[in-house]
């Protein structure tokens, strides 16, 4: 009986994927990251708080198989990168903003992504989860 309660607690603590996120069979969400409120404070002021809607829709999701990045509300763009195609990931701080800098290699060409701005803790954790799930 206690084991079932432990399993329920683990399931309750697991990150929930954003609505409409297409997960593959056997895929598990490891981390969901959104831009930092403090780093985007000026956007909240300019839009009288409406930026909060966009901030919640800009997500980076790490699963045990891939990194998914979604941006936008009305013109939504989603991309997916296999974790094994990621060459490197590093934490970068630019002034007060922190980013997860991800270098992606592939057959076509190499490119890099800056995910953020986010809190230093979230950026470090995102980089750590990406590197930990590569095989």
N, C-alpha and C. Protein backbone atom coordinates (compact mmCIF):
# COMPACT_ATOMS: atom_id res chain seq x y z
N UNK A 1 0.81 -1.19 0.00
CA UNK A 1 0.00 0.00 0.00
C UNK A 1 0.86 1.26 0.00
N UNK A 2 1.96 1.24 0.78
CA UNK A 2 2.84 2.39 0.84
C UNK A 2 3.55 2.60 -0.49
N UNK A 3 3.84 1.52 -1.19
CA UNK A 3 4.49 1.63 -2.48
C UNK A 3 3.62 2.37 -3.49
N UNK A 4 2.34 2.12 -3.50
CA UNK A 4 1.41 2.81 -4.40
C UNK A 4 1.39 4.31 -4.10
N UNK A 5 1.42 4.67 -2.81
CA UNK A 5 1.44 6.08 -2.42
C UNK A 5 2.72 6.75 -2.90
N UNK A 6 3.86 6.03 -2.85
CA UNK A 6 5.13 6.57 -3.34
C UNK A 6 5.07 6.79 -4.85
N UNK A 7 4.47 5.87 -5.59
CA UNK A 7 4.34 6.01 -7.03
C UNK A 7 3.46 7.20 -7.38
N UNK A 8 2.38 7.40 -6.62
CA UNK A 8 1.51 8.54 -6.86
C UNK A 8 2.23 9.85 -6.58
N UNK A 9 3.09 9.87 -5.55
CA UNK A 9 3.84 11.08 -5.22
C UNK A 9 4.84 11.40 -6.33
N UNK A 10 5.52 10.39 -6.85
CA UNK A 10 6.46 10.60 -7.96
C UNK A 10 5.72 11.13 -9.17
N UNK A 11 4.56 10.58 -9.48
CA UNK A 11 3.78 11.05 -10.62
C UNK A 11 3.31 12.49 -10.41
N UNK A 12 2.99 12.86 -9.18
CA UNK A 12 2.55 14.22 -8.90
C UNK A 12 3.71 15.20 -9.00
N UNK A 13 4.94 14.76 -8.69
CA UNK A 13 6.11 15.63 -8.74
C UNK A 13 6.69 15.77 -10.14
N UNK A 14 6.35 14.89 -11.06
CA UNK A 14 6.89 14.93 -12.41
C UNK A 14 6.38 16.17 -13.14
N UNK A 15 7.25 16.81 -13.97
CA UNK A 15 6.80 17.98 -14.70
C UNK A 15 5.70 17.62 -15.69
N UNK A 16 4.75 18.51 -15.81
CA UNK A 16 3.65 18.28 -16.75
C UNK A 16 3.97 18.96 -18.08
N UNK A 17 3.74 18.26 -19.17
CA UNK A 17 4.01 18.88 -20.47
C UNK A 17 2.97 19.96 -20.76
N UNK A 18 3.34 20.97 -21.53
CA UNK A 18 2.36 21.99 -21.93
C UNK A 18 1.23 21.36 -22.72
N UNK A 19 0.06 22.00 -22.67
CA UNK A 19 -1.09 21.48 -23.40
C UNK A 19 -0.80 21.38 -24.89
N UNK A 20 -1.25 20.30 -25.49
CA UNK A 20 -1.10 20.11 -26.93
C UNK A 20 0.28 19.62 -27.35
N UNK A 21 1.13 19.31 -26.40
CA UNK A 21 2.47 18.84 -26.73
C UNK A 21 2.40 17.38 -27.18
N UNK A 22 2.81 17.11 -28.40
CA UNK A 22 2.73 15.74 -28.89
C UNK A 22 3.91 14.90 -28.41
N UNK A 23 3.68 14.04 -27.44
CA UNK A 23 4.72 13.14 -26.95
C UNK A 23 4.66 11.83 -27.71
N UNK A 24 5.82 11.24 -27.91
CA UNK A 24 5.90 9.95 -28.56
C UNK A 24 5.66 8.86 -27.53
N UNK A 25 5.39 7.66 -28.00
CA UNK A 25 5.16 6.53 -27.09
C UNK A 25 6.44 6.25 -26.29
N UNK A 26 6.30 6.17 -24.98
CA UNK A 26 7.43 5.89 -24.12
C UNK A 26 8.27 7.11 -23.77
N UNK A 27 7.87 8.27 -24.23
CA UNK A 27 8.63 9.49 -23.97
C UNK A 27 8.17 10.13 -22.66
N UNK A 28 9.11 10.59 -21.85
CA UNK A 28 8.79 11.20 -20.57
C UNK A 28 9.36 12.61 -20.51
N UNK A 29 8.59 13.54 -19.97
CA UNK A 29 9.04 14.91 -19.80
C UNK A 29 9.98 14.98 -18.61
N UNK A 30 11.16 15.55 -18.81
CA UNK A 30 12.16 15.68 -17.76
C UNK A 30 12.09 17.08 -17.15
N UNK A 31 11.94 18.12 -18.02
CA UNK A 31 11.93 19.50 -17.55
C UNK A 31 11.18 20.38 -18.52
N UNK A 32 10.47 21.36 -17.97
CA UNK A 32 9.80 22.39 -18.77
C UNK A 32 10.34 23.73 -18.30
N UNK A 33 10.86 24.55 -19.23
CA UNK A 33 11.42 25.85 -18.87
C UNK A 33 10.72 26.95 -19.66
N UNK A 34 10.44 28.06 -18.97
CA UNK A 34 9.86 29.25 -19.60
C UNK A 34 10.76 30.44 -19.31
N UNK A 35 10.66 31.52 -20.10
CA UNK A 35 11.47 32.70 -19.84
C UNK A 35 11.22 33.28 -18.44
N UNK A 36 12.23 33.92 -17.91
CA UNK A 36 12.17 34.51 -16.58
C UNK A 36 11.28 35.75 -16.55
N UNK A 37 10.53 35.90 -15.49
CA UNK A 37 9.70 37.10 -15.33
C UNK A 37 10.56 38.34 -15.12
N UNK A 38 11.58 38.23 -14.30
CA UNK A 38 12.42 39.39 -13.96
C UNK A 38 13.17 39.87 -15.19
N UNK A 39 13.72 38.95 -15.98
CA UNK A 39 14.47 39.34 -17.17
C UNK A 39 13.59 40.03 -18.19
N UNK A 40 12.30 39.78 -18.16
CA UNK A 40 11.36 40.37 -19.11
C UNK A 40 10.44 41.40 -18.45
N UNK A 41 10.86 41.96 -17.35
CA UNK A 41 10.04 42.93 -16.62
C UNK A 41 9.64 44.11 -17.50
N UNK A 42 10.56 44.58 -18.33
CA UNK A 42 10.25 45.71 -19.21
C UNK A 42 9.11 45.38 -20.18
N UNK A 43 9.02 44.13 -20.61
CA UNK A 43 7.94 43.74 -21.52
C UNK A 43 6.59 43.74 -20.80
N UNK A 44 6.59 43.35 -19.52
CA UNK A 44 5.36 43.42 -18.72
C UNK A 44 4.90 44.86 -18.59
N UNK A 45 5.83 45.77 -18.34
CA UNK A 45 5.48 47.18 -18.16
C UNK A 45 4.92 47.77 -19.45
N UNK A 46 5.59 47.51 -20.56
CA UNK A 46 5.17 48.07 -21.85
C UNK A 46 3.79 47.55 -22.26
N UNK A 47 3.52 46.27 -22.01
CA UNK A 47 2.25 45.66 -22.45
C UNK A 47 1.19 45.65 -21.35
N UNK A 48 1.47 46.34 -20.24
CA UNK A 48 0.53 46.39 -19.12
C UNK A 48 0.18 45.00 -18.59
N UNK A 49 1.16 44.12 -18.57
CA UNK A 49 0.99 42.79 -18.01
C UNK A 49 0.57 41.71 -18.99
N UNK A 50 0.20 42.08 -20.20
CA UNK A 50 -0.26 41.09 -21.18
C UNK A 50 0.87 40.19 -21.69
N UNK A 51 2.11 40.61 -21.49
CA UNK A 51 3.23 39.78 -21.92
C UNK A 51 3.21 38.41 -21.23
N UNK A 52 2.59 38.32 -20.08
CA UNK A 52 2.53 37.05 -19.35
C UNK A 52 1.95 35.92 -20.19
N UNK A 53 1.02 36.26 -21.07
CA UNK A 53 0.42 35.24 -21.95
C UNK A 53 1.49 34.69 -22.89
N UNK A 54 2.29 35.56 -23.50
CA UNK A 54 3.32 35.11 -24.43
C UNK A 54 4.44 34.38 -23.69
N UNK A 55 4.80 34.85 -22.51
CA UNK A 55 5.88 34.22 -21.76
C UNK A 55 5.57 32.77 -21.45
N UNK A 56 4.32 32.49 -21.11
CA UNK A 56 3.93 31.11 -20.79
C UNK A 56 3.91 30.22 -22.02
N UNK A 57 3.74 30.80 -23.20
CA UNK A 57 3.70 30.00 -24.42
C UNK A 57 5.08 29.78 -25.03
N UNK A 58 6.10 30.52 -24.58
CA UNK A 58 7.47 30.29 -25.03
C UNK A 58 8.08 29.26 -24.10
N UNK A 59 8.16 28.03 -24.57
CA UNK A 59 8.61 26.95 -23.70
C UNK A 59 9.74 26.15 -24.33
N UNK A 60 10.58 25.62 -23.47
CA UNK A 60 11.59 24.64 -23.87
C UNK A 60 11.33 23.41 -23.02
N UNK A 61 11.13 22.29 -23.67
CA UNK A 61 10.80 21.05 -22.97
C UNK A 61 11.88 20.01 -23.28
N UNK A 62 12.45 19.46 -22.22
CA UNK A 62 13.43 18.39 -22.37
C UNK A 62 12.74 17.09 -22.01
N UNK A 63 12.80 16.13 -22.92
CA UNK A 63 12.28 14.80 -22.63
C UNK A 63 13.46 13.83 -22.63
N UNK A 64 13.19 12.58 -22.40
CA UNK A 64 14.27 11.60 -22.41
C UNK A 64 14.78 11.32 -23.83
N UNK A 65 14.12 11.86 -24.86
CA UNK A 65 14.52 11.62 -26.25
C UNK A 65 14.85 12.87 -27.04
N UNK A 66 14.26 14.02 -26.69
CA UNK A 66 14.44 15.21 -27.53
C UNK A 66 14.27 16.50 -26.75
N UNK A 67 14.68 17.57 -27.40
CA UNK A 67 14.48 18.93 -26.90
C UNK A 67 13.45 19.57 -27.81
N UNK A 68 12.37 20.06 -27.22
CA UNK A 68 11.31 20.70 -28.00
C UNK A 68 11.24 22.17 -27.60
N UNK A 69 11.14 23.03 -28.61
CA UNK A 69 11.06 24.46 -28.38
C UNK A 69 9.82 24.98 -29.08
N UNK A 70 8.97 25.68 -28.34
CA UNK A 70 7.75 26.27 -28.88
C UNK A 70 7.71 27.76 -28.60
N UNK A 71 7.31 28.54 -29.59
CA UNK A 71 7.23 29.99 -29.44
C UNK A 71 5.97 30.49 -30.12
N UNK A 72 5.37 31.51 -29.49
CA UNK A 72 4.26 32.21 -30.11
C UNK A 72 2.89 31.72 -29.70
N UNK A 73 1.91 32.58 -29.96
CA UNK A 73 0.51 32.24 -29.67
C UNK A 73 -0.27 32.14 -30.96
N UNK A 74 -0.35 33.24 -31.69
CA UNK A 74 -1.15 33.26 -32.92
C UNK A 74 -0.39 32.63 -34.08
N UNK A 75 0.90 32.89 -34.13
CA UNK A 75 1.75 32.29 -35.15
C UNK A 75 2.73 31.37 -34.42
N UNK A 76 2.29 30.20 -34.12
CA UNK A 76 3.02 29.24 -33.28
C UNK A 76 4.06 28.50 -34.10
N UNK A 77 5.28 28.45 -33.59
CA UNK A 77 6.35 27.68 -34.19
C UNK A 77 6.86 26.68 -33.17
N UNK A 78 6.94 25.43 -33.56
CA UNK A 78 7.46 24.40 -32.68
C UNK A 78 8.54 23.63 -33.43
N UNK A 79 9.63 23.36 -32.73
CA UNK A 79 10.69 22.57 -33.34
C UNK A 79 11.13 21.51 -32.35
N UNK A 80 11.67 20.46 -32.89
CA UNK A 80 12.08 19.32 -32.08
C UNK A 80 13.47 18.88 -32.54
N UNK A 81 14.35 18.67 -31.57
CA UNK A 81 15.71 18.24 -31.87
C UNK A 81 15.99 16.99 -31.06
N UNK A 82 16.45 15.96 -31.71
CA UNK A 82 16.80 14.73 -31.00
C UNK A 82 17.97 15.02 -30.06
N UNK A 83 17.88 14.53 -28.84
CA UNK A 83 18.92 14.77 -27.84
C UNK A 83 20.28 14.28 -28.35
N UNK A 84 20.30 13.18 -29.10
CA UNK A 84 21.56 12.64 -29.60
C UNK A 84 22.19 13.51 -30.68
N UNK A 85 21.42 14.43 -31.30
CA UNK A 85 21.96 15.34 -32.31
C UNK A 85 22.59 16.59 -31.70
N UNK A 86 22.44 16.76 -30.40
CA UNK A 86 22.99 17.94 -29.75
C UNK A 86 24.47 17.69 -29.45
N UNK A 87 25.33 18.54 -30.00
CA UNK A 87 26.77 18.40 -29.80
C UNK A 87 27.19 18.91 -28.43
N UNK A 88 26.68 20.07 -28.04
CA UNK A 88 27.07 20.63 -26.75
C UNK A 88 25.97 21.55 -26.24
N UNK A 89 25.99 21.76 -24.95
CA UNK A 89 25.07 22.70 -24.32
C UNK A 89 25.84 23.38 -23.21
N UNK A 90 25.68 24.69 -23.11
CA UNK A 90 26.39 25.40 -22.05
C UNK A 90 25.54 26.54 -21.51
N UNK A 91 25.86 26.91 -20.31
CA UNK A 91 25.20 28.00 -19.61
C UNK A 91 25.93 29.28 -19.96
N UNK A 92 25.18 30.34 -20.27
CA UNK A 92 25.79 31.63 -20.60
C UNK A 92 25.04 32.74 -19.88
N UNK A 93 25.80 33.65 -19.27
CA UNK A 93 25.20 34.81 -18.61
C UNK A 93 25.60 36.05 -19.40
N UNK A 94 24.59 36.82 -19.79
CA UNK A 94 24.81 38.08 -20.49
C UNK A 94 24.16 39.18 -19.68
N UNK A 95 24.98 39.97 -19.04
CA UNK A 95 24.52 41.00 -18.11
C UNK A 95 23.66 40.36 -17.03
N UNK A 96 22.38 40.69 -16.99
CA UNK A 96 21.51 40.13 -15.95
C UNK A 96 20.73 38.93 -16.45
N UNK A 97 20.83 38.63 -17.73
CA UNK A 97 20.06 37.54 -18.32
C UNK A 97 20.92 36.28 -18.45
N UNK A 98 20.30 35.13 -18.32
CA UNK A 98 20.98 33.85 -18.45
C UNK A 98 20.33 33.06 -19.58
N UNK A 99 21.15 32.34 -20.31
CA UNK A 99 20.67 31.57 -21.45
C UNK A 99 21.26 30.17 -21.40
N UNK A 100 20.56 29.24 -22.01
CA UNK A 100 21.11 27.92 -22.28
C UNK A 100 21.51 27.95 -23.74
N UNK A 101 22.79 27.87 -24.01
CA UNK A 101 23.32 27.92 -25.37
C UNK A 101 23.51 26.48 -25.85
N UNK A 102 22.76 26.09 -26.86
CA UNK A 102 22.77 24.71 -27.34
C UNK A 102 23.33 24.67 -28.75
N UNK A 103 24.35 23.86 -28.98
CA UNK A 103 24.93 23.69 -30.31
C UNK A 103 24.45 22.37 -30.87
N UNK A 104 23.84 22.44 -32.03
CA UNK A 104 23.22 21.27 -32.65
C UNK A 104 24.01 20.91 -33.90
N UNK A 105 24.36 19.65 -34.01
CA UNK A 105 25.03 19.15 -35.20
C UNK A 105 24.08 18.23 -35.95
N UNK A 106 24.26 18.15 -37.22
CA UNK A 106 23.41 17.28 -38.00
C UNK A 106 24.06 17.00 -39.33
N UNK A 107 23.34 16.30 -40.17
CA UNK A 107 23.87 15.98 -41.49
C UNK A 107 23.99 17.22 -42.36
N UNK A 108 23.00 18.11 -42.27
CA UNK A 108 22.99 19.27 -43.15
C UNK A 108 24.06 20.29 -42.74
N UNK A 109 23.95 20.83 -41.54
CA UNK A 109 24.93 21.80 -41.05
C UNK A 109 24.74 22.01 -39.56
N UNK A 110 25.70 22.62 -38.97
CA UNK A 110 25.66 22.90 -37.54
C UNK A 110 25.03 24.27 -37.32
N UNK A 111 24.26 24.39 -36.25
CA UNK A 111 23.71 25.68 -35.86
C UNK A 111 23.58 25.72 -34.35
N UNK A 112 23.34 26.90 -33.83
CA UNK A 112 23.22 27.03 -32.39
C UNK A 112 21.95 27.78 -32.03
N UNK A 113 21.46 27.50 -30.84
CA UNK A 113 20.24 28.12 -30.32
C UNK A 113 20.54 28.76 -28.98
N UNK A 114 19.93 29.89 -28.73
CA UNK A 114 19.95 30.50 -27.40
C UNK A 114 18.55 30.39 -26.84
N UNK A 115 18.39 29.68 -25.75
CA UNK A 115 17.09 29.49 -25.13
C UNK A 115 17.06 30.37 -23.88
N UNK A 116 16.13 31.28 -23.83
CA UNK A 116 16.04 32.16 -22.67
C UNK A 116 15.51 33.52 -23.08
N UNK A 117 15.66 34.52 -22.28
CA UNK A 117 16.37 34.59 -21.00
C UNK A 117 15.58 33.88 -19.91
N UNK A 118 16.32 33.28 -19.00
CA UNK A 118 15.71 32.58 -17.88
C UNK A 118 16.58 32.77 -16.65
N UNK A 119 16.11 32.29 -15.54
CA UNK A 119 16.89 32.41 -14.31
C UNK A 119 18.14 31.54 -14.44
N UNK A 120 19.17 31.91 -13.69
CA UNK A 120 20.42 31.16 -13.73
C UNK A 120 20.19 29.70 -13.32
N UNK A 121 19.36 29.49 -12.32
CA UNK A 121 19.08 28.14 -11.85
C UNK A 121 18.42 27.31 -12.96
N UNK A 122 17.42 27.89 -13.64
CA UNK A 122 16.73 27.15 -14.70
C UNK A 122 17.64 26.89 -15.90
N UNK A 123 18.48 27.88 -16.26
CA UNK A 123 19.39 27.69 -17.40
C UNK A 123 20.41 26.60 -17.10
N UNK A 124 20.98 26.60 -15.89
CA UNK A 124 21.93 25.54 -15.52
C UNK A 124 21.25 24.17 -15.50
N UNK A 125 20.04 24.12 -14.98
CA UNK A 125 19.32 22.85 -14.91
C UNK A 125 18.98 22.35 -16.31
N UNK A 126 18.56 23.26 -17.21
CA UNK A 126 18.23 22.88 -18.58
C UNK A 126 19.45 22.28 -19.27
N UNK A 127 20.59 22.92 -19.13
CA UNK A 127 21.83 22.41 -19.72
C UNK A 127 22.18 21.04 -19.12
N UNK A 128 22.06 20.93 -17.81
CA UNK A 128 22.36 19.66 -17.15
C UNK A 128 21.46 18.53 -17.60
N UNK A 129 20.17 18.81 -17.76
CA UNK A 129 19.23 17.77 -18.19
C UNK A 129 19.49 17.36 -19.64
N UNK A 130 19.84 18.32 -20.49
CA UNK A 130 20.16 17.99 -21.89
C UNK A 130 21.37 17.07 -21.93
N UNK A 131 22.42 17.44 -21.22
CA UNK A 131 23.65 16.63 -21.24
C UNK A 131 23.46 15.28 -20.57
N UNK A 132 22.64 15.23 -19.53
CA UNK A 132 22.41 13.96 -18.84
C UNK A 132 21.61 12.96 -19.67
N UNK A 133 20.76 13.45 -20.56
CA UNK A 133 19.91 12.55 -21.34
C UNK A 133 20.52 12.15 -22.68
N UNK A 134 21.67 12.72 -23.02
CA UNK A 134 22.36 12.27 -24.24
C UNK A 134 22.97 10.90 -23.99
N UNK A 135 23.00 10.08 -25.01
CA UNK A 135 23.60 8.75 -24.81
C UNK A 135 24.87 8.60 -25.58
